């Protein structure tokens, strides 16, 4: 299940692109089925399973034109789990190539249809 969803950035590439961070309850959670809708100037991301609103944001005129034109939006999702890795306080360099270790992140990109209300 989704714990929280945060919209970090909305911009226009080929279509409306929305960057979101999805915080899951547990590393084995796979239940994230977003549905997108627009009511007025408000862009809303809801949970498809139960219809609960996860996040919403106001769009400007240019962003509204793009979403109405394409009737779709690109979601760029970064999945995270609270406490999965703990906090990385010390960066331990790999001596062979001089680079620091980096924690794994799960990213997902999809184009979703937008419904209008």
PDB file of N, CA and C in Angstrom:
ATOM      1  N   UNK A   1       0.831  -1.192   0.000  1.00  0.00           N
ATOM      2  CA  UNK A   1       0.000   0.000   0.000  1.00  0.00           C
ATOM      3  C   UNK A   1       0.872   1.250   0.000  1.00  0.00           C
ATOM      4  N   UNK A   2       0.341   2.289  -0.575  1.00  0.00           N
ATOM      5  CA  UNK A   2       1.032   3.572  -0.628  1.00  0.00           C
ATOM      6  C   UNK A   2       0.867   4.278   0.709  1.00  0.00           C
ATOM      7  N   UNK A   3       1.981   4.721   1.284  1.00  0.00           N
ATOM      8  CA  UNK A   3       1.936   5.498   2.519  1.00  0.00           C
ATOM      9  C   UNK A   3       1.628   6.950   2.177  1.00  0.00           C
ATOM     10  N   UNK A   4       2.476   7.592   1.406  1.00  0.00           N
ATOM     11  CA  UNK A   4       2.237   8.958   0.935  1.00  0.00           C
ATOM     12  C   UNK A   4       2.749   9.103  -0.490  1.00  0.00           C
ATOM     13  N   UNK A   5       2.238  10.110  -1.169  1.00  0.00           N
ATOM     14  CA  UNK A   5       2.677  10.432  -2.516  1.00  0.00           C
ATOM     15  C   UNK A   5       2.915  11.930  -2.559  1.00  0.00           C
ATOM     16  N   UNK A   6       4.094  12.334  -3.019  1.00  0.00           N
ATOM     17  CA  UNK A   6       4.465  13.751  -3.077  1.00  0.00           C
ATOM     18  C   UNK A   6       4.761  14.129  -4.522  1.00  0.00           C
ATOM     19  N   UNK A   7       4.109  15.184  -5.008  1.00  0.00           N
ATOM     20  CA  UNK A   7       4.395  15.697  -6.344  1.00  0.00           C
ATOM     21  C   UNK A   7       5.550  16.678  -6.214  1.00  0.00           C
ATOM     22  N   UNK A   8       6.685  16.344  -6.833  1.00  0.00           N
ATOM     23  CA  UNK A   8       7.863  17.189  -6.678  1.00  0.00           C
ATOM     24  C   UNK A   8       8.013  18.214  -7.804  1.00  0.00           C
ATOM     25  N   UNK A   9       7.561  17.873  -9.026  1.00  0.00           N
ATOM     26  CA  UNK A   9       7.744  18.807 -10.134  1.00  0.00           C
ATOM     27  C   UNK A   9       6.722  18.505 -11.229  1.00  0.00           C
ATOM     28  N   UNK A  10       6.223  19.551 -11.846  1.00  0.00           N
ATOM     29  CA  UNK A  10       5.335  19.440 -13.000  1.00  0.00           C
ATOM     30  C   UNK A  10       5.922  20.316 -14.097  1.00  0.00           C
ATOM     31  N   UNK A  11       6.195  19.720 -15.263  1.00  0.00           N
ATOM     32  CA  UNK A  11       6.703  20.507 -16.379  1.00  0.00           C
ATOM     33  C   UNK A  11       6.211  19.909 -17.691  1.00  0.00           C
ATOM     34  N   UNK A  12       6.522  20.577 -18.773  1.00  0.00           N
ATOM     35  CA  UNK A  12       6.069  20.123 -20.084  1.00  0.00           C
ATOM     36  C   UNK A  12       7.280  19.693 -20.896  1.00  0.00           C
ATOM     37  N   UNK A  13       7.264  18.461 -21.338  1.00  0.00           N
ATOM     38  CA  UNK A  13       8.270  17.976 -22.293  1.00  0.00           C
ATOM     39  C   UNK A  13       7.525  17.816 -23.612  1.00  0.00           C
ATOM     40  N   UNK A  14       7.315  16.594 -24.075  1.00  0.00           N
ATOM     41  CA  UNK A  14       6.437  16.380 -25.226  1.00  0.00           C
ATOM     42  C   UNK A  14       4.983  16.490 -24.786  1.00  0.00           C
ATOM     43  N   UNK A  15       4.722  16.064 -23.569  1.00  0.00           N
ATOM     44  CA  UNK A  15       3.396  16.186 -22.961  1.00  0.00           C
ATOM     45  C   UNK A  15       3.602  16.640 -21.515  1.00  0.00           C
ATOM     46  N   UNK A  16       2.538  16.674 -20.742  1.00  0.00           N
ATOM     47  CA  UNK A  16       2.662  17.054 -19.332  1.00  0.00           C
ATOM     48  C   UNK A  16       3.432  15.963 -18.602  1.00  0.00           C
ATOM     49  N   UNK A  17       4.474  16.341 -17.887  1.00  0.00           N
ATOM     50  CA  UNK A  17       5.310  15.393 -17.153  1.00  0.00           C
ATOM     51  C   UNK A  17       5.240  15.716 -15.663  1.00  0.00           C
ATOM     52  N   UNK A  18       4.922  14.707 -14.856  1.00  0.00           N
ATOM     53  CA  UNK A  18       4.755  14.893 -13.421  1.00  0.00           C
ATOM     54  C   UNK A  18       5.739  13.981 -12.694  1.00  0.00           C
ATOM     55  N   UNK A  19       6.639  14.584 -11.907  1.00  0.00           N
ATOM     56  CA  UNK A  19       7.587  13.816 -11.096  1.00  0.00           C
ATOM     57  C   UNK A  19       6.996  13.617  -9.716  1.00  0.00           C
ATOM     58  N   UNK A  20       6.928  12.364  -9.271  1.00  0.00           N
ATOM     59  CA  UNK A  20       6.352  12.068  -7.961  1.00  0.00           C
ATOM     60  C   UNK A  20       7.270  11.134  -7.179  1.00  0.00           C
ATOM     61  N   UNK A  21       7.210  11.266  -5.852  1.00  0.00           N
ATOM     62  CA  UNK A  21       7.885  10.337  -4.945  1.00  0.00           C
ATOM     63  C   UNK A  21       6.804   9.545  -4.227  1.00  0.00           C
ATOM     64  N   UNK A  22       6.875   8.240  -4.341  1.00  0.00           N
ATOM     65  CA  UNK A  22       5.881   7.370  -3.718  1.00  0.00           C
ATOM     66  C   UNK A  22       6.547   6.636  -2.568  1.00  0.00           C
ATOM     67  N   UNK A  23       6.029   6.864  -1.368  1.00  0.00           N
ATOM     68  CA  UNK A  23       6.534   6.193  -0.175  1.00  0.00           C
ATOM     69  C   UNK A  23       5.635   5.009   0.122  1.00  0.00           C
ATOM     70  N   UNK A  24       6.229   3.809   0.165  1.00  0.00           N
ATOM     71  CA  UNK A  24       5.481   2.582   0.411  1.00  0.00           C
ATOM     72  C   UNK A  24       5.633   2.170   1.871  1.00  0.00           C
ATOM     73  N   UNK A  25       4.670   1.374   2.351  1.00  0.00           N
ATOM     74  CA  UNK A  25       4.709   0.894   3.731  1.00  0.00           C
ATOM     75  C   UNK A  25       5.806  -0.148   3.946  1.00  0.00           C
ATOM     76  N   UNK A  26       5.990  -1.039   2.985  1.00  0.00           N
ATOM     77  CA  UNK A  26       6.883  -2.187   3.145  1.00  0.00           C
ATOM     78  C   UNK A  26       7.588  -2.456   1.811  1.00  0.00           C
ATOM     79  N   UNK A  27       8.814  -2.957   1.817  1.00  0.00           N
ATOM     80  CA  UNK A  27       9.528  -3.212   0.559  1.00  0.00           C
ATOM     81  C   UNK A  27       8.813  -4.182  -0.386  1.00  0.00           C
ATOM     82  N   UNK A  28       7.952  -5.057   0.144  1.00  0.00           N
ATOM     83  CA  UNK A  28       7.251  -6.017  -0.696  1.00  0.00           C
ATOM     84  C   UNK A  28       5.907  -5.509  -1.203  1.00  0.00           C
ATOM     85  N   UNK A  29       5.537  -4.279  -0.872  1.00  0.00           N
ATOM     86  CA  UNK A  29       4.273  -3.717  -1.353  1.00  0.00           C
ATOM     87  C   UNK A  29       4.351  -3.481  -2.858  1.00  0.00           C
ATOM     88  N   UNK A  30       3.355  -3.976  -3.562  1.00  0.00           N
ATOM     89  CA  UNK A  30       3.297  -3.800  -5.016  1.00  0.00           C
ATOM     90  C   UNK A  30       2.016  -3.093  -5.442  1.00  0.00           C
ATOM     91  N   UNK A  31       1.210  -2.636  -4.480  1.00  0.00           N
ATOM     92  CA  UNK A  31      -0.110  -2.089  -4.782  1.00  0.00           C
ATOM     93  C   UNK A  31      -0.037  -0.586  -5.048  1.00  0.00           C
ATOM     94  N   UNK A  32       0.380  -0.222  -6.263  1.00  0.00           N
ATOM     95  CA  UNK A  32       0.352   1.173  -6.687  1.00  0.00           C
ATOM     96  C   UNK A  32      -0.230   1.214  -8.084  1.00  0.00           C
ATOM     97  N   UNK A  33      -1.508   1.580  -8.176  1.00  0.00           N
ATOM     98  CA  UNK A  33      -2.202   1.701  -9.451  1.00  0.00           C
ATOM     99  C   UNK A  33      -2.792   3.101  -9.517  1.00  0.00           C
ATOM    100  N   UNK A  34      -2.071   4.045 -10.096  1.00  0.00           N
ATOM    101  CA  UNK A  34      -2.551   5.429 -10.116  1.00  0.00           C
ATOM    102  C   UNK A  34      -3.602   5.652 -11.198  1.00  0.00           C
ATOM    103  N   UNK A  35      -4.512   6.562 -10.916  1.00  0.00           N
ATOM    104  CA  UNK A  35      -5.428   7.068 -11.933  1.00  0.00           C
ATOM    105  C   UNK A  35      -5.361   8.589 -11.873  1.00  0.00           C
ATOM    106  N   UNK A  36      -5.358   9.222 -13.038  1.00  0.00           N
ATOM    107  CA  UNK A  36      -5.177  10.664 -13.135  1.00  0.00           C
ATOM    108  C   UNK A  36      -6.477  11.326 -13.574  1.00  0.00           C
ATOM    109  N   UNK A  37      -6.757  12.478 -12.977  1.00  0.00           N
ATOM    110  CA  UNK A  37      -7.954  13.222 -13.365  1.00  0.00           C
ATOM    111  C   UNK A  37      -7.703  14.716 -13.237  1.00  0.00           C
ATOM    112  N   UNK A  38      -8.509  15.485 -13.972  1.00  0.00           N
ATOM    113  CA  UNK A  38      -8.454  16.941 -13.926  1.00  0.00           C
ATOM    114  C   UNK A  38      -9.867  17.459 -13.710  1.00  0.00           C
ATOM    115  N   UNK A  39     -10.015  18.325 -12.691  1.00  0.00           N
ATOM    116  CA  UNK A  39     -11.285  18.995 -12.423  1.00  0.00           C
ATOM    117  C   UNK A  39     -10.971  20.485 -12.305  1.00  0.00           C
ATOM    118  N   UNK A  40     -11.448  21.273 -13.265  1.00  0.00           N
ATOM    119  CA  UNK A  40     -11.079  22.688 -13.279  1.00  0.00           C
ATOM    120  C   UNK A  40      -9.613  22.812 -13.646  1.00  0.00           C
ATOM    121  N   UNK A  41      -8.810  23.425 -12.786  1.00  0.00           N
ATOM    122  CA  UNK A  41      -7.359  23.510 -12.976  1.00  0.00           C
ATOM    123  C   UNK A  41      -6.607  22.578 -12.039  1.00  0.00           C
ATOM    124  N   UNK A  42      -7.314  21.721 -11.319  1.00  0.00           N
ATOM    125  CA  UNK A  42      -6.691  20.842 -10.332  1.00  0.00           C
ATOM    126  C   UNK A  42      -6.396  19.477 -10.938  1.00  0.00           C
ATOM    127  N   UNK A  43      -5.120  19.097 -10.930  1.00  0.00           N
ATOM    128  CA  UNK A  43      -4.655  17.788 -11.388  1.00  0.00           C
ATOM    129  C   UNK A  43      -4.570  16.871 -10.174  1.00  0.00           C
ATOM    130  N   UNK A  44      -5.239  15.724 -10.237  1.00  0.00           N
ATOM    131  CA  UNK A  44      -5.322  14.835  -9.083  1.00  0.00           C
ATOM    132  C   UNK A  44      -4.817  13.446  -9.441  1.00  0.00           C
ATOM    133  N   UNK A  45      -4.021  12.872  -8.533  1.00  0.00           N
ATOM    134  CA  UNK A  45      -3.580  11.485  -8.643  1.00  0.00           C
ATOM    135  C   UNK A  45      -4.319  10.706  -7.567  1.00  0.00           C
ATOM    136  N   UNK A  46      -5.062   9.680  -7.985  1.00  0.00           N
ATOM    137  CA  UNK A  46      -5.850   8.874  -7.058  1.00  0.00           C
ATOM    138  C   UNK A  46      -5.394   7.428  -7.116  1.00  0.00           C
ATOM    139  N   UNK A  47      -5.776   6.667  -6.090  1.00  0.00           N
ATOM    140  CA  UNK A  47      -5.518   5.238  -6.061  1.00  0.00           C
ATOM    141  C   UNK A  47      -6.634   4.555  -6.832  1.00  0.00           C
ATOM    142  N   UNK A  48      -6.289   3.796  -7.871  1.00  0.00           N
ATOM    143  CA  UNK A  48      -7.291   3.153  -8.711  1.00  0.00           C
ATOM    144  C   UNK A  48      -8.080   2.088  -7.942  1.00  0.00           C
ATOM    145  N   UNK A  49      -7.451   1.452  -6.964  1.00  0.00           N
ATOM    146  CA  UNK A  49      -8.095   0.371  -6.220  1.00  0.00           C
ATOM    147  C   UNK A  49      -9.275   0.857  -5.385  1.00  0.00           C
ATOM    148  N   UNK A  50      -9.066   1.916  -4.592  1.00  0.00           N
ATOM    149  CA  UNK A  50     -10.131   2.370  -3.692  1.00  0.00           C
ATOM    150  C   UNK A  50     -10.612   3.793  -3.969  1.00  0.00           C
ATOM    151  N   UNK A  51     -10.025   4.480  -4.955  1.00  0.00           N
ATOM    152  CA  UNK A  51     -10.465   5.824  -5.322  1.00  0.00           C
ATOM    153  C   UNK A  51      -9.995   6.929  -4.394  1.00  0.00           C
ATOM    154  N   UNK A  52      -9.135   6.617  -3.420  1.00  0.00           N
ATOM    155  CA  UNK A  52      -8.640   7.623  -2.481  1.00  0.00           C
ATOM    156  C   UNK A  52      -7.698   8.594  -3.188  1.00  0.00           C
ATOM    157  N   UNK A  53      -7.838   9.888  -2.890  1.00  0.00           N
ATOM    158  CA  UNK A  53      -6.964  10.906  -3.462  1.00  0.00           C
ATOM    159  C   UNK A  53      -5.609  10.855  -2.769  1.00  0.00           C
ATOM    160  N   UNK A  54      -4.552  10.701  -3.568  1.00  0.00           N
ATOM    161  CA  UNK A  54      -3.200  10.628  -3.017  1.00  0.00           C
ATOM    162  C   UNK A  54      -2.519  11.994  -3.019  1.00  0.00           C
ATOM    163  N   UNK A  55      -2.709  12.771  -4.098  1.00  0.00           N
ATOM    164  CA  UNK A  55      -2.105  14.106  -4.186  1.00  0.00           C
ATOM    165  C   UNK A  55      -2.812  14.900  -5.274  1.00  0.00           C
ATOM    166  N   UNK A  56      -2.749  16.222  -5.128  1.00  0.00           N
ATOM    167  CA  UNK A  56      -3.309  17.095  -6.163  1.00  0.00           C
ATOM    168  C   UNK A  56      -2.497  18.380  -6.222  1.00  0.00           C
ATOM    169  N   UNK A  57      -2.556  19.041  -7.390  1.00  0.00           N
ATOM    170  CA  UNK A  57      -1.805  20.266  -7.601  1.00  0.00           C
ATOM    171  C   UNK A  57      -2.547  21.123  -8.625  1.00  0.00           C
ATOM    172  N   UNK A  58      -2.403  22.432  -8.496  1.00  0.00           N
ATOM    173  CA  UNK A  58      -3.007  23.366  -9.446  1.00  0.00           C
ATOM    174  C   UNK A  58      -2.094  23.507 -10.665  1.00  0.00           C
ATOM    175  N   UNK A  59      -2.690  23.464 -11.866  1.00  0.00           N
ATOM    176  CA  UNK A  59      -1.933  23.611 -13.102  1.00  0.00           C
ATOM    177  C   UNK A  59      -2.112  25.022 -13.664  1.00  0.00           C
ATOM    178  N   UNK A  60      -1.070  25.543 -14.318  1.00  0.00           N
ATOM    179  CA  UNK A  60      -1.199  26.840 -14.979  1.00  0.00           C
ATOM    180  C   UNK A  60      -1.783  26.642 -16.378  1.00  0.00           C
ATOM    181  N   UNK A  61      -1.983  27.731 -17.131  1.00  0.00           N
ATOM    182  CA  UNK A  61      -2.638  27.656 -18.434  1.00  0.00           C
ATOM    183  C   UNK A  61      -1.883  26.794 -19.433  1.00  0.00           C
ATOM    184  N   UNK A  62      -0.565  26.954 -19.482  1.00  0.00           N
ATOM    185  CA  UNK A  62       0.242  26.189 -20.425  1.00  0.00           C
ATOM    186  C   UNK A  62       0.182  24.692 -20.122  1.00  0.00           C
ATOM    187  N   UNK A  63       0.240  24.337 -18.850  1.00  0.00           N
ATOM    188  CA  UNK A  63       0.150  22.934 -18.453  1.00  0.00           C
ATOM    189  C   UNK A  63      -1.233  22.371 -18.751  1.00  0.00           C
ATOM    190  N   UNK A  64      -2.290  23.188 -18.543  1.00  0.00           N
ATOM    191  CA  UNK A  64      -3.653  22.756 -18.850  1.00  0.00           C
ATOM    192  C   UNK A  64      -3.818  22.511 -20.348  1.00  0.00           C
ATOM    193  N   UNK A  65      -3.246  23.374 -21.173  1.00  0.00           N
ATOM    194  CA  UNK A  65      -3.328  23.187 -22.624  1.00  0.00           C
ATOM    195  C   UNK A  65      -2.685  21.869 -23.042  1.00  0.00           C
ATOM    196  N   UNK A  66      -1.544  21.541 -22.451  1.00  0.00           N
ATOM    197  CA  UNK A  66      -0.838  20.302 -22.797  1.00  0.00           C
ATOM    198  C   UNK A  66      -1.641  19.069 -22.395  1.00  0.00           C
ATOM    199  N   UNK A  67      -2.228  19.090 -21.204  1.00  0.00           N
ATOM    200  CA  UNK A  67      -2.970  17.906 -20.749  1.00  0.00           C
ATOM    201  C   UNK A  67      -4.290  17.755 -21.506  1.00  0.00           C
ATOM    202  N   UNK A  68      -4.933  18.852 -21.882  1.00  0.00           N
ATOM    203  CA  UNK A  68      -6.172  18.771 -22.668  1.00  0.00           C
ATOM    204  C   UNK A  68      -5.858  18.308 -24.081  1.00  0.00           C
ATOM    205  N   UNK A  69      -4.765  18.794 -24.656  1.00  0.00           N
ATOM    206  CA  UNK A  69      -4.368  18.417 -26.006  1.00  0.00           C
ATOM    207  C   UNK A  69      -4.081  16.923 -26.109  1.00  0.00           C
ATOM    208  N   UNK A  70      -3.304  16.391 -25.158  1.00  0.00           N
ATOM    209  CA  UNK A  70      -2.868  14.992 -25.228  1.00  0.00           C
ATOM    210  C   UNK A  70      -3.824  14.026 -24.535  1.00  0.00           C
ATOM    211  N   UNK A  71      -4.641  14.523 -23.622  1.00  0.00           N
ATOM    212  CA  UNK A  71      -5.520  13.694 -22.781  1.00  0.00           C
ATOM    213  C   UNK A  71      -4.725  12.601 -22.062  1.00  0.00           C
ATOM    214  N   UNK A  72      -3.461  12.898 -21.784  1.00  0.00           N
ATOM    215  CA  UNK A  72      -2.588  11.954 -21.092  1.00  0.00           C
ATOM    216  C   UNK A  72      -1.486  12.739 -20.392  1.00  0.00           C
ATOM    217  N   UNK A  73      -0.840  12.099 -19.440  1.00  0.00           N
ATOM    218  CA  UNK A  73       0.286  12.698 -18.733  1.00  0.00           C
ATOM    219  C   UNK A  73       1.331  11.621 -18.477  1.00  0.00           C
ATOM    220  N   UNK A  74       2.582  12.040 -18.449  1.00  0.00           N
ATOM    221  CA  UNK A  74       3.678  11.121 -18.162  1.00  0.00           C
ATOM    222  C   UNK A  74       3.992  11.194 -16.677  1.00  0.00           C
ATOM    223  N   UNK A  75       3.950  10.044 -16.011  1.00  0.00           N
ATOM    224  CA  UNK A  75       4.329   9.968 -14.599  1.00  0.00           C
ATOM    225  C   UNK A  75       5.743   9.440 -14.512  1.00  0.00           C
ATOM    226  N   UNK A  76       6.591  10.160 -13.792  1.00  0.00           N
ATOM    227  CA  UNK A  76       7.963   9.729 -13.521  1.00  0.00           C
ATOM    228  C   UNK A  76       8.025   9.481 -12.018  1.00  0.00           C
ATOM    229  N   UNK A  77       8.008   8.214 -11.644  1.00  0.00           N
ATOM    230  CA  UNK A  77       7.816   7.810 -10.250  1.00  0.00           C
ATOM    231  C   UNK A  77       9.129   7.325  -9.650  1.00  0.00           C
ATOM    232  N   UNK A  78       9.397   7.787  -8.433  1.00  0.00           N
ATOM    233  CA  UNK A  78      10.534   7.308  -7.658  1.00  0.00           C
ATOM    234  C   UNK A  78       9.954   6.618  -6.423  1.00  0.00           C
ATOM    235  N   UNK A  79      10.139   5.307  -6.333  1.00  0.00           N
ATOM    236  CA  UNK A  79       9.617   4.541  -5.205  1.00  0.00           C
ATOM    237  C   UNK A  79      10.612   4.564  -4.052  1.00  0.00           C
ATOM    238  N   UNK A  80      10.098   4.753  -2.847  1.00  0.00           N
ATOM    239  CA  UNK A  80      10.931   4.757  -1.652  1.00  0.00           C
ATOM    240  C   UNK A  80      10.197   4.043  -0.527  1.00  0.00           C
ATOM    241  N   UNK A  81      10.967   3.487   0.393  1.00  0.00           N
ATOM    242  CA  UNK A  81      10.402   2.812   1.564  1.00  0.00           C
ATOM    243  C   UNK A  81      11.079   3.383   2.796  1.00  0.00           C
ATOM    244  N   UNK A  82      10.287   3.844   3.754  1.00  0.00           N
ATOM    245  CA  UNK A  82      10.847   4.423   4.977  1.00  0.00           C
ATOM    246  C   UNK A  82      11.541   3.344   5.810  1.00  0.00           C
ATOM    247  N   UNK A  83      12.787   3.612   6.186  1.00  0.00           N
ATOM    248  CA  UNK A  83      13.519   2.707   7.059  1.00  0.00           C
ATOM    249  C   UNK A  83      14.056   1.462   6.390  1.00  0.00           C
ATOM    250  N   UNK A  84      13.945   1.368   5.072  1.00  0.00           N
ATOM    251  CA  UNK A  84      14.422   0.165   4.393  1.00  0.00           C
ATOM    252  C   UNK A  84      15.938   0.047   4.493  1.00  0.00           C
ATOM    253  N   UNK A  85      16.643   1.149   4.239  1.00  0.00           N
ATOM    254  CA  UNK A  85      18.098   1.133   4.303  1.00  0.00           C
ATOM    255  C   UNK A  85      18.627   1.840   5.544  1.00  0.00           C
ATOM    256  N   UNK A  86      17.748   2.463   6.272  1.00  0.00           N
ATOM    257  CA  UNK A  86      18.216   3.289   7.378  1.00  0.00           C
ATOM    258  C   UNK A  86      18.769   4.585   6.818  1.00  0.00           C
ATOM    259  N   UNK A  87      19.605   5.250   7.552  1.00  0.00           N
ATOM    260  CA  UNK A  87      20.194   6.506   7.098  1.00  0.00           C
ATOM    261  C   UNK A  87      21.660   6.265   6.773  1.00  0.00           C
ATOM    262  N   UNK A  88      22.071   6.755   5.637  1.00  0.00           N
ATOM    263  CA  UNK A  88      23.461   6.621   5.230  1.00  0.00           C
ATOM    264  C   UNK A  88      24.209   7.838   5.749  1.00  0.00           C
ATOM    265  N   UNK A  89      24.915   7.671   6.879  1.00  0.00           N
ATOM    266  CA  UNK A  89      25.620   8.778   7.500  1.00  0.00           C
ATOM    267  C   UNK A  89      27.045   8.929   6.995  1.00  0.00           C
ATOM    268  N   UNK A  90      27.688   7.828   6.692  1.00  0.00           N
ATOM    269  CA  UNK A  90      29.070   7.857   6.227  1.00  0.00           C
ATOM    270  C   UNK A  90      29.141   7.283   4.829  1.00  0.00           C
ATOM    271  N   UNK A  91      29.786   7.985   3.936  1.00  0.00           N
ATOM    272  CA  UNK A  91      29.975   7.486   2.584  1.00  0.00           C
ATOM    273  C   UNK A  91      31.351   6.821   2.534  1.00  0.00           C
ATOM    274  N   UNK A  92      31.353   5.531   2.223  1.00  0.00           N
ATOM    275  CA  UNK A  92      32.588   4.759   2.176  1.00  0.00           C
ATOM    276  C   UNK A  92      33.043   4.647   0.726  1.00  0.00           C
ATOM    277  N   UNK A  93      34.128   5.310   0.363  1.00  0.00           N
ATOM    278  CA  UNK A  93      34.564   5.258  -1.029  1.00  0.00           C
ATOM    279  C   UNK A  93      35.081   3.876  -1.422  1.00  0.00           C
ATOM    280  N   UNK A  94      34.869   3.544  -2.669  1.00  0.00           N
ATOM    281  CA  UNK A  94      35.447   2.327  -3.229  1.00  0.00           C
ATOM    282  C   UNK A  94      36.840   2.729  -3.704  1.00  0.00           C
ATOM    283  N   UNK A  95      37.852   2.189  -3.072  1.00  0.00           N
ATOM    284  CA  UNK A  95      39.220   2.638  -3.308  1.00  0.00           C
ATOM    285  C   UNK A  95      39.662   2.393  -4.747  1.00  0.00           C
ATOM    286  N   UNK A  96      39.166   1.317  -5.366  1.00  0.00           N
ATOM    287  CA  UNK A  96      39.611   0.972  -6.711  1.00  0.00           C
ATOM    288  C   UNK A  96      39.288   2.057  -7.734  1.00  0.00           C
ATOM    289  N   UNK A  97      38.106   2.654  -7.645  1.00  0.00           N
ATOM    290  CA  UNK A  97      37.768   3.655  -8.652  1.00  0.00           C
ATOM    291  C   UNK A  97      37.446   5.026  -8.059  1.00  0.00           C
ATOM    292  N   UNK A  98      37.562   5.179  -6.753  1.00  0.00           N
ATOM    293  CA  UNK A  98      37.401   6.474  -6.124  1.00  0.00           C
ATOM    294  C   UNK A  98      35.975   6.977  -6.013  1.00  0.00           C
ATOM    295  N   UNK A  99      34.998   6.103  -6.242  1.00  0.00           N
ATOM    296  CA  UNK A  99      33.605   6.525  -6.170  1.00  0.00           C
ATOM    297  C   UNK A  99      32.971   6.044  -4.868  1.00  0.00           C
ATOM    298  N   UNK A 100      31.950   6.766  -4.437  1.00  0.00           N
ATOM    299  CA  UNK A 100      31.258   6.399  -3.204  1.00  0.00           C
ATOM    300  C   UNK A 100      30.130   5.415  -3.503  1.00  0.00           C
ATOM    301  N   UNK A 101      29.765   4.627  -2.506  1.00  0.00           N
ATOM    302  CA  UNK A 101      28.644   3.703  -2.645  1.00  0.00           C
ATOM    303  C   UNK A 101      27.348   4.488  -2.691  1.00  0.00           C
ATOM    304  N   UNK A 102      26.404   3.993  -3.450  1.00  0.00           N
ATOM    305  CA  UNK A 102      25.116   4.655  -3.574  1.00  0.00           C
ATOM    306  C   UNK A 102      24.020   3.621  -3.329  1.00  0.00           C
ATOM    307  N   UNK A 103      22.985   4.022  -2.590  1.00  0.00           N
ATOM    308  CA  UNK A 103      21.885   3.112  -2.331  1.00  0.00           C
ATOM    309  C   UNK A 103      21.016   2.967  -3.571  1.00  0.00           C
ATOM    310  N   UNK A 104      20.428   1.787  -3.733  1.00  0.00           N
ATOM    311  CA  UNK A 104      19.579   1.521  -4.881  1.00  0.00           C
ATOM    312  C   UNK A 104      18.255   2.271  -4.770  1.00  0.00           C
ATOM    313  N   UNK A 105      17.770   2.769  -5.900  1.00  0.00           N
ATOM    314  CA  UNK A 105      16.451   3.396  -5.950  1.00  0.00           C
ATOM    315  C   UNK A 105      15.671   2.762  -7.098  1.00  0.00           C
ATOM    316  N   UNK A 106      14.371   2.686  -6.929  1.00  0.00           N
ATOM    317  CA  UNK A 106      13.511   2.125  -7.962  1.00  0.00           C
ATOM    318  C   UNK A 106      12.770   3.258  -8.646  1.00  0.00           C
ATOM    319  N   UNK A 107      12.966   3.401  -9.954  1.00  0.00           N
ATOM    320  CA  UNK A 107      12.294   4.434 -10.726  1.00  0.00           C
ATOM    321  C   UNK A 107      11.389   3.781 -11.761  1.00  0.00           C
ATOM    322  N   UNK A 108      10.331   4.499 -12.121  1.00  0.00           N
ATOM    323  CA  UNK A 108       9.312   3.963 -13.002  1.00  0.00           C
ATOM    324  C   UNK A 108       8.781   5.120 -13.828  1.00  0.00           C
ATOM    325  N   UNK A 109       8.582   4.906 -15.122  1.00  0.00           N
ATOM    326  CA  UNK A 109       8.048   5.954 -15.987  1.00  0.00           C
ATOM    327  C   UNK A 109       6.935   5.356 -16.831  1.00  0.00           C
ATOM    328  N   UNK A 110       5.779   6.048 -16.861  1.00  0.00           N
ATOM    329  CA  UNK A 110       4.642   5.559 -17.623  1.00  0.00           C
ATOM    330  C   UNK A 110       3.804   6.723 -18.119  1.00  0.00           C
ATOM    331  N   UNK A 111       3.068   6.503 -19.181  1.00  0.00           N
ATOM    332  CA  UNK A 111       2.114   7.485 -19.674  1.00  0.00           C
ATOM    333  C   UNK A 111       0.723   6.985 -19.345  1.00  0.00           C
ATOM    334  N   UNK A 112      -0.038   7.812 -18.632  1.00  0.00           N
ATOM    335  CA  UNK A 112      -1.373   7.441 -18.171  1.00  0.00           C
ATOM    336  C   UNK A 112      -2.424   8.330 -18.820  1.00  0.00           C
ATOM    337  N   UNK A 113      -3.580   7.772 -19.076  1.00  0.00           N
ATOM    338  CA  UNK A 113      -4.704   8.534 -19.602  1.00  0.00           C
ATOM    339  C   UNK A 113      -5.286   9.402 -18.490  1.00  0.00           C
ATOM    340  N   UNK A 114      -5.709  10.608 -18.841  1.00  0.00           N
ATOM    341  CA  UNK A 114      -6.276  11.547 -17.863  1.00  0.00           C
ATOM    342  C   UNK A 114      -7.774  11.656 -18.119  1.00  0.00           C
ATOM    343  N   UNK A 115      -8.566  11.505 -17.045  1.00  0.00           N
ATOM    344  CA  UNK A 115     -10.011  11.697 -17.169  1.00  0.00           C
ATOM    345  C   UNK A 115     -10.362  13.113 -16.734  1.00  0.00           C
ATOM    346  N   UNK A 116     -11.353  13.709 -17.375  1.00  0.00           N
ATOM    347  CA  UNK A 116     -11.768  15.076 -17.079  1.00  0.00           C
ATOM    348  C   UNK A 116     -13.131  15.068 -16.418  1.00  0.00           C
ATOM    349  N   UNK A 117     -13.265  15.882 -15.364  1.00  0.00           N
ATOM    350  CA  UNK A 117     -14.535  15.943 -14.626  1.00  0.00           C
ATOM    351  C   UNK A 117     -15.169  17.300 -14.796  1.00  0.00           C
TER     352      UNK A 117
END
